[in-house]
């Protein structure tokens, strides 16, 4: 009987197709927005004002952000759970903190010391940290 097992991981198991596509999208659409100081300021201001989007209305049946902010948020939300930043509610309506996931089911989340008085403020702080991390990852390209 033939042995069809592979000693080296395949490109599929390494998720190379997704990684290359994600890298292309980041370089083509995301980085130009982040490298433009005026555009970056607009995105940060919009997110600060409505971190979870504008409420649904009769005209727009879904929560909305501008197209550019939605594109950026989609990018920031992609990826694995290892190191993912989460909102942790320590005391309802009073104390929200940033948690860092290990990516392993059952392992505790590391909770940072930063404390926020609202879920929105915590979400915006996570947004800023994700942007900074993204820019660090792509500096020099």
N, C-alpha and C. Protein backbone atom coordinates (compact mmCIF):
# COMPACT_ATOMS: atom_id res chain seq x y z
N UNK A 1 0.85 -1.17 0.00
CA UNK A 1 0.00 0.00 0.00
C UNK A 1 0.90 1.23 0.00
N UNK A 2 0.55 2.22 -0.79
CA UNK A 2 1.36 3.43 -0.92
C UNK A 2 1.16 4.34 0.29
N UNK A 3 2.25 5.05 0.63
CA UNK A 3 2.19 6.01 1.73
C UNK A 3 2.00 7.41 1.15
N UNK A 4 0.83 7.99 1.36
CA UNK A 4 0.52 9.31 0.81
C UNK A 4 0.74 10.43 1.83
N UNK A 5 1.33 10.13 2.95
CA UNK A 5 1.58 11.17 3.94
C UNK A 5 2.76 12.02 3.48
N UNK A 6 2.75 13.28 3.84
CA UNK A 6 3.80 14.20 3.44
C UNK A 6 4.67 14.54 4.63
N UNK A 7 5.98 14.55 4.38
CA UNK A 7 6.90 14.91 5.46
C UNK A 7 6.91 16.41 5.69
N UNK A 8 6.79 17.18 4.61
CA UNK A 8 6.77 18.63 4.71
C UNK A 8 5.33 19.11 4.63
N UNK A 9 5.00 20.15 5.39
CA UNK A 9 3.62 20.66 5.30
C UNK A 9 3.34 21.26 3.92
N UNK A 10 2.13 21.09 3.46
CA UNK A 10 1.75 21.62 2.16
C UNK A 10 1.44 23.11 2.25
N UNK A 11 1.38 23.76 1.09
CA UNK A 11 1.01 25.18 1.06
C UNK A 11 -0.40 25.39 1.60
N UNK A 12 -1.27 24.42 1.38
CA UNK A 12 -2.63 24.52 1.90
C UNK A 12 -2.61 24.48 3.42
N UNK A 13 -1.87 23.54 3.99
CA UNK A 13 -1.83 23.45 5.46
C UNK A 13 -1.14 24.65 6.08
N UNK A 14 -0.25 25.29 5.34
CA UNK A 14 0.41 26.50 5.82
C UNK A 14 -0.42 27.75 5.57
N UNK A 15 -1.54 27.58 4.88
CA UNK A 15 -2.46 28.68 4.59
C UNK A 15 -1.79 29.78 3.75
N UNK A 16 -0.91 29.38 2.85
CA UNK A 16 -0.14 30.36 2.07
C UNK A 16 -1.03 31.18 1.13
N UNK A 17 -2.07 30.57 0.56
CA UNK A 17 -2.95 31.33 -0.33
C UNK A 17 -3.58 32.50 0.37
N UNK A 18 -4.08 32.26 1.58
CA UNK A 18 -4.71 33.33 2.36
C UNK A 18 -3.68 34.39 2.73
N UNK A 19 -2.50 33.95 3.17
CA UNK A 19 -1.47 34.89 3.60
C UNK A 19 -1.04 35.81 2.47
N UNK A 20 -0.87 35.25 1.27
CA UNK A 20 -0.47 36.08 0.13
C UNK A 20 -1.58 37.04 -0.29
N UNK A 21 -2.81 36.57 -0.27
CA UNK A 21 -3.94 37.43 -0.62
C UNK A 21 -4.10 38.55 0.39
N UNK A 22 -4.00 38.20 1.67
CA UNK A 22 -4.13 39.20 2.73
C UNK A 22 -3.01 40.23 2.64
N UNK A 23 -1.80 39.79 2.35
CA UNK A 23 -0.67 40.69 2.21
C UNK A 23 -0.88 41.64 1.03
N UNK A 24 -1.41 41.12 -0.08
CA UNK A 24 -1.69 41.96 -1.25
C UNK A 24 -2.74 43.02 -0.91
N UNK A 25 -3.82 42.62 -0.26
CA UNK A 25 -4.89 43.55 0.11
C UNK A 25 -4.34 44.63 1.04
N UNK A 26 -3.51 44.23 1.98
CA UNK A 26 -2.93 45.19 2.93
C UNK A 26 -2.08 46.22 2.20
N UNK A 27 -1.22 45.75 1.32
CA UNK A 27 -0.32 46.67 0.61
C UNK A 27 -1.06 47.55 -0.39
N UNK A 28 -2.07 47.00 -1.05
CA UNK A 28 -2.77 47.72 -2.11
C UNK A 28 -3.80 48.71 -1.57
N UNK A 29 -4.53 48.33 -0.53
CA UNK A 29 -5.67 49.14 -0.09
C UNK A 29 -5.50 49.76 1.30
N UNK A 30 -4.89 49.04 2.22
CA UNK A 30 -4.84 49.49 3.61
C UNK A 30 -3.70 50.47 3.85
N UNK A 31 -2.47 50.08 3.48
CA UNK A 31 -1.31 50.93 3.77
C UNK A 31 -1.40 52.32 3.15
N UNK A 32 -1.91 52.47 1.93
CA UNK A 32 -2.04 53.84 1.40
C UNK A 32 -2.92 54.73 2.28
N UNK A 33 -3.98 54.16 2.86
CA UNK A 33 -4.83 54.95 3.77
C UNK A 33 -4.08 55.33 5.04
N UNK A 34 -3.32 54.38 5.58
CA UNK A 34 -2.63 54.61 6.84
C UNK A 34 -1.42 55.52 6.69
N UNK A 35 -0.85 55.55 5.51
CA UNK A 35 0.33 56.40 5.28
C UNK A 35 -0.04 57.84 4.96
N UNK A 36 -1.31 58.09 4.66
CA UNK A 36 -1.79 59.44 4.40
C UNK A 36 -2.26 60.03 5.73
N UNK A 37 -1.52 61.01 6.29
CA UNK A 37 -1.86 61.53 7.62
C UNK A 37 -3.29 62.05 7.74
N UNK A 38 -3.77 62.73 6.70
CA UNK A 38 -5.13 63.28 6.75
C UNK A 38 -6.17 62.16 6.76
N UNK A 39 -5.97 61.16 5.91
CA UNK A 39 -6.91 60.03 5.84
C UNK A 39 -6.89 59.24 7.15
N UNK A 40 -5.70 59.02 7.70
CA UNK A 40 -5.58 58.30 8.97
C UNK A 40 -6.31 59.04 10.09
N UNK A 41 -6.16 60.37 10.12
CA UNK A 41 -6.85 61.18 11.13
C UNK A 41 -8.36 61.05 10.97
N UNK A 42 -8.86 61.09 9.72
CA UNK A 42 -10.29 60.94 9.48
C UNK A 42 -10.80 59.58 9.97
N UNK A 43 -10.05 58.52 9.68
CA UNK A 43 -10.46 57.18 10.10
C UNK A 43 -10.49 57.06 11.62
N UNK A 44 -9.46 57.60 12.27
CA UNK A 44 -9.40 57.55 13.73
C UNK A 44 -10.54 58.37 14.34
N UNK A 45 -10.80 59.55 13.79
CA UNK A 45 -11.89 60.38 14.31
C UNK A 45 -13.25 59.71 14.14
N UNK A 46 -13.46 59.09 12.97
CA UNK A 46 -14.73 58.40 12.73
C UNK A 46 -14.89 57.23 13.71
N UNK A 47 -13.82 56.48 13.92
CA UNK A 47 -13.91 55.33 14.83
C UNK A 47 -14.13 55.80 16.27
N UNK A 48 -13.46 56.88 16.66
CA UNK A 48 -13.64 57.41 18.03
C UNK A 48 -15.10 57.80 18.25
N UNK A 49 -15.71 58.42 17.23
CA UNK A 49 -17.10 58.88 17.36
C UNK A 49 -18.09 57.71 17.40
N UNK A 50 -17.82 56.68 16.61
CA UNK A 50 -18.74 55.54 16.54
C UNK A 50 -17.95 54.23 16.43
N UNK A 51 -17.37 53.76 17.54
CA UNK A 51 -16.55 52.55 17.47
C UNK A 51 -17.31 51.31 17.00
N UNK A 52 -18.60 51.27 17.27
CA UNK A 52 -19.39 50.12 16.85
C UNK A 52 -20.27 50.44 15.65
N UNK A 53 -20.08 51.61 15.04
CA UNK A 53 -20.85 52.00 13.88
C UNK A 53 -22.10 52.78 14.24
N UNK A 54 -22.69 53.42 13.23
CA UNK A 54 -23.95 54.13 13.44
C UNK A 54 -25.07 53.10 13.54
N UNK A 55 -26.05 53.42 14.34
CA UNK A 55 -27.18 52.51 14.53
C UNK A 55 -27.96 52.36 13.23
N UNK A 56 -28.56 51.22 13.09
CA UNK A 56 -29.39 50.95 11.92
C UNK A 56 -30.59 51.87 11.91
N UNK A 57 -31.00 52.30 10.72
CA UNK A 57 -32.18 53.14 10.54
C UNK A 57 -33.06 52.51 9.48
N UNK A 58 -34.19 53.16 9.21
CA UNK A 58 -35.07 52.66 8.15
C UNK A 58 -34.39 52.72 6.79
N UNK A 59 -33.55 53.74 6.59
CA UNK A 59 -32.85 53.91 5.32
C UNK A 59 -31.70 52.91 5.18
N UNK A 60 -30.98 52.71 6.28
CA UNK A 60 -29.86 51.77 6.31
C UNK A 60 -30.16 50.73 7.38
N UNK A 61 -30.46 49.52 6.95
CA UNK A 61 -30.89 48.49 7.87
C UNK A 61 -29.80 47.82 8.68
N UNK A 62 -28.55 48.25 8.46
CA UNK A 62 -27.44 47.63 9.19
C UNK A 62 -26.58 48.71 9.82
N UNK A 63 -25.80 48.31 10.82
CA UNK A 63 -24.85 49.22 11.44
C UNK A 63 -23.81 49.60 10.39
N UNK A 64 -23.44 50.88 10.33
CA UNK A 64 -22.58 51.32 9.24
C UNK A 64 -21.38 52.13 9.70
N UNK A 65 -20.29 51.95 8.96
CA UNK A 65 -19.11 52.80 8.98
C UNK A 65 -18.89 53.23 7.54
N UNK A 66 -18.01 54.21 7.33
CA UNK A 66 -17.65 54.57 5.95
C UNK A 66 -16.98 53.36 5.30
N UNK A 67 -16.96 53.35 3.97
CA UNK A 67 -16.36 52.21 3.26
C UNK A 67 -14.89 52.03 3.62
N UNK A 68 -14.14 53.14 3.72
CA UNK A 68 -12.71 53.03 4.06
C UNK A 68 -12.51 52.47 5.46
N UNK A 69 -13.30 52.94 6.42
CA UNK A 69 -13.16 52.43 7.78
C UNK A 69 -13.57 50.97 7.83
N UNK A 70 -14.62 50.59 7.12
CA UNK A 70 -15.05 49.20 7.10
C UNK A 70 -13.97 48.30 6.50
N UNK A 71 -13.31 48.77 5.45
CA UNK A 71 -12.21 48.02 4.83
C UNK A 71 -11.08 47.82 5.83
N UNK A 72 -10.73 48.88 6.55
CA UNK A 72 -9.67 48.79 7.55
C UNK A 72 -10.07 47.85 8.69
N UNK A 73 -11.30 47.95 9.17
CA UNK A 73 -11.76 47.08 10.26
C UNK A 73 -11.76 45.61 9.82
N UNK A 74 -12.17 45.36 8.57
CA UNK A 74 -12.14 43.98 8.07
C UNK A 74 -10.72 43.43 8.11
N UNK A 75 -9.75 44.24 7.73
CA UNK A 75 -8.35 43.82 7.76
C UNK A 75 -7.91 43.55 9.19
N UNK A 76 -8.23 44.45 10.10
CA UNK A 76 -7.78 44.32 11.48
C UNK A 76 -8.41 43.12 12.18
N UNK A 77 -9.56 42.67 11.72
CA UNK A 77 -10.25 41.56 12.36
C UNK A 77 -9.81 40.20 11.83
N UNK A 78 -9.12 40.19 10.69
CA UNK A 78 -8.65 38.92 10.13
C UNK A 78 -7.47 38.39 10.94
N UNK A 79 -7.23 37.11 10.81
CA UNK A 79 -6.07 36.52 11.46
C UNK A 79 -6.47 35.55 12.55
N UNK A 80 -5.46 34.92 13.11
CA UNK A 80 -5.68 33.92 14.14
C UNK A 80 -6.01 34.53 15.49
N UNK A 81 -6.30 33.67 16.42
CA UNK A 81 -6.67 34.13 17.76
C UNK A 81 -5.47 34.38 18.66
N UNK A 82 -4.31 33.87 18.29
CA UNK A 82 -3.12 34.07 19.11
C UNK A 82 -2.74 35.55 19.10
N UNK A 83 -2.77 36.17 20.26
CA UNK A 83 -2.42 37.59 20.37
C UNK A 83 -3.56 38.54 20.05
N UNK A 84 -4.74 38.01 19.78
CA UNK A 84 -5.89 38.86 19.45
C UNK A 84 -6.30 39.67 20.68
N UNK A 85 -6.62 40.94 20.45
CA UNK A 85 -7.03 41.83 21.53
C UNK A 85 -8.54 41.77 21.71
N UNK A 86 -8.98 41.67 22.96
CA UNK A 86 -10.39 41.49 23.29
C UNK A 86 -10.82 42.50 24.34
N UNK A 87 -12.11 42.78 24.38
CA UNK A 87 -12.67 43.61 25.45
C UNK A 87 -13.06 42.70 26.61
N UNK A 88 -12.55 43.02 27.79
CA UNK A 88 -12.88 42.27 29.00
C UNK A 88 -13.65 43.20 29.93
N UNK A 89 -14.85 42.81 30.30
CA UNK A 89 -15.66 43.60 31.23
C UNK A 89 -15.36 43.12 32.65
N UNK A 90 -14.67 43.97 33.42
CA UNK A 90 -14.34 43.63 34.80
C UNK A 90 -15.50 43.99 35.71
N UNK A 91 -16.05 45.19 35.52
CA UNK A 91 -17.22 45.62 36.28
C UNK A 91 -18.15 46.35 35.30
N UNK A 92 -19.36 45.84 35.15
CA UNK A 92 -20.30 46.34 34.16
C UNK A 92 -20.49 47.85 34.27
N UNK A 93 -20.37 48.53 33.16
CA UNK A 93 -20.55 49.98 33.02
C UNK A 93 -19.51 50.80 33.77
N UNK A 94 -18.45 50.17 34.28
CA UNK A 94 -17.45 50.92 35.03
C UNK A 94 -16.01 50.61 34.64
N UNK A 95 -15.70 49.35 34.45
CA UNK A 95 -14.30 48.97 34.24
C UNK A 95 -14.18 47.95 33.10
N UNK A 96 -13.59 48.41 32.00
CA UNK A 96 -13.34 47.56 30.85
C UNK A 96 -11.83 47.53 30.62
N UNK A 97 -11.32 46.36 30.26
CA UNK A 97 -9.88 46.21 30.05
C UNK A 97 -9.62 45.48 28.74
N UNK A 98 -8.39 45.56 28.30
CA UNK A 98 -7.98 44.87 27.09
C UNK A 98 -7.41 43.52 27.49
N UNK A 99 -7.91 42.48 26.85
CA UNK A 99 -7.40 41.13 27.07
C UNK A 99 -6.61 40.69 25.85
N UNK A 100 -5.62 39.83 26.08
CA UNK A 100 -4.81 39.30 24.99
C UNK A 100 -4.98 37.78 24.98
N UNK A 101 -5.52 37.27 23.89
CA UNK A 101 -5.81 35.84 23.76
C UNK A 101 -4.53 35.06 23.48
N UNK A 102 -4.46 33.85 24.05
CA UNK A 102 -3.34 32.95 23.76
C UNK A 102 -3.58 32.18 22.48
N UNK A 103 -4.82 32.11 22.06
CA UNK A 103 -5.15 31.34 20.87
C UNK A 103 -5.37 29.87 21.15
N UNK A 104 -5.28 29.48 22.42
CA UNK A 104 -5.46 28.08 22.80
C UNK A 104 -6.69 27.97 23.68
N UNK A 105 -7.61 27.13 23.25
CA UNK A 105 -8.85 26.95 24.00
C UNK A 105 -8.55 26.48 25.42
N UNK A 106 -9.21 27.12 26.38
CA UNK A 106 -9.07 26.73 27.77
C UNK A 106 -7.98 27.48 28.52
N UNK A 107 -7.08 28.13 27.81
CA UNK A 107 -6.04 28.90 28.49
C UNK A 107 -6.58 30.28 28.82
N UNK A 108 -6.20 30.82 29.98
CA UNK A 108 -6.73 32.13 30.38
C UNK A 108 -6.21 33.26 29.51
N UNK A 109 -7.03 34.27 29.40
CA UNK A 109 -6.68 35.48 28.65
C UNK A 109 -5.85 36.37 29.56
N UNK A 110 -4.78 36.95 29.02
CA UNK A 110 -3.99 37.91 29.80
C UNK A 110 -4.73 39.24 29.80
N UNK A 111 -4.95 39.81 30.97
CA UNK A 111 -5.68 41.07 31.09
C UNK A 111 -4.69 42.18 31.40
N UNK A 112 -4.72 43.24 30.59
CA UNK A 112 -3.80 44.36 30.79
C UNK A 112 -4.28 45.25 31.94
N UNK A 113 -3.41 46.13 32.37
CA UNK A 113 -3.72 47.04 33.47
C UNK A 113 -4.55 48.25 33.02
N UNK A 114 -4.52 48.56 31.72
CA UNK A 114 -5.27 49.71 31.20
C UNK A 114 -6.74 49.54 31.52
N UNK A 115 -7.35 50.58 32.10
CA UNK A 115 -8.75 50.52 32.48
C UNK A 115 -9.52 51.61 31.73
N UNK A 116 -10.71 51.26 31.24
CA UNK A 116 -11.54 52.20 30.49
C UNK A 116 -12.93 52.23 31.11
N UNK A 117 -13.54 53.40 31.08
CA UNK A 117 -14.84 53.57 31.73
C UNK A 117 -16.00 53.11 30.87
N UNK A 118 -15.76 52.86 29.59
CA UNK A 118 -16.84 52.41 28.72
C UNK A 118 -16.32 51.38 27.72
N UNK A 119 -17.24 50.59 27.22
CA UNK A 119 -16.90 49.59 26.23
C UNK A 119 -16.42 50.27 24.94
N UNK A 120 -17.00 51.40 24.61
CA UNK A 120 -16.62 52.14 23.40
C UNK A 120 -15.17 52.63 23.50
N UNK A 121 -14.78 53.16 24.67
CA UNK A 121 -13.42 53.66 24.85
C UNK A 121 -12.41 52.51 24.75
N UNK A 122 -12.77 51.36 25.28
CA UNK A 122 -11.91 50.19 25.21
C UNK A 122 -11.78 49.71 23.77
N UNK A 123 -12.88 49.67 23.05
CA UNK A 123 -12.86 49.27 21.63
C UNK A 123 -11.98 50.21 20.81
N UNK A 124 -12.06 51.50 21.08
CA UNK A 124 -11.24 52.45 20.34
C UNK A 124 -9.75 52.28 20.67
N UNK A 125 -9.44 51.99 21.92
CA UNK A 125 -8.04 51.75 22.31
C UNK A 125 -7.49 50.51 21.60
N UNK A 126 -8.31 49.47 21.48
CA UNK A 126 -7.91 48.27 20.75
C UNK A 126 -7.67 48.61 19.28
N UNK A 127 -8.55 49.41 18.69
CA UNK A 127 -8.41 49.86 17.30
C UNK A 127 -7.07 50.55 17.09
N UNK A 128 -6.71 51.46 17.98
CA UNK A 128 -5.44 52.19 17.85
C UNK A 128 -4.25 51.24 18.00
N UNK A 129 -4.33 50.29 18.93
CA UNK A 129 -3.24 49.32 19.10
C UNK A 129 -3.08 48.45 17.86
N UNK A 130 -4.19 48.06 17.25
CA UNK A 130 -4.13 47.22 16.05
C UNK A 130 -3.52 47.98 14.87
N UNK A 131 -3.87 49.26 14.75
CA UNK A 131 -3.28 50.08 13.68
C UNK A 131 -1.77 50.20 13.89
N UNK A 132 -1.35 50.48 15.12
CA UNK A 132 0.08 50.60 15.41
C UNK A 132 0.82 49.31 15.11
N UNK A 133 0.23 48.17 15.47
CA UNK A 133 0.85 46.87 15.20
C UNK A 133 0.97 46.64 13.70
N UNK A 134 -0.08 46.97 12.97
CA UNK A 134 -0.06 46.81 11.52
C UNK A 134 1.03 47.66 10.88
N UNK A 135 1.15 48.91 11.32
CA UNK A 135 2.19 49.77 10.78
C UNK A 135 3.58 49.26 11.15
N UNK A 136 3.75 48.74 12.35
CA UNK A 136 5.05 48.17 12.75
C UNK A 136 5.40 46.97 11.86
N UNK A 137 4.41 46.14 11.56
CA UNK A 137 4.66 44.95 10.75
C UNK A 137 5.08 45.29 9.32
N UNK A 138 4.63 46.43 8.82
CA UNK A 138 4.89 46.79 7.42
C UNK A 138 5.87 47.96 7.26
N UNK A 139 6.53 48.39 8.33
CA UNK A 139 7.50 49.48 8.21
C UNK A 139 8.65 49.01 7.32
N UNK A 140 9.10 49.91 6.45
CA UNK A 140 10.22 49.61 5.57
C UNK A 140 9.81 48.97 4.26
N UNK A 141 8.52 48.75 4.05
CA UNK A 141 8.09 48.16 2.78
C UNK A 141 7.64 49.24 1.83
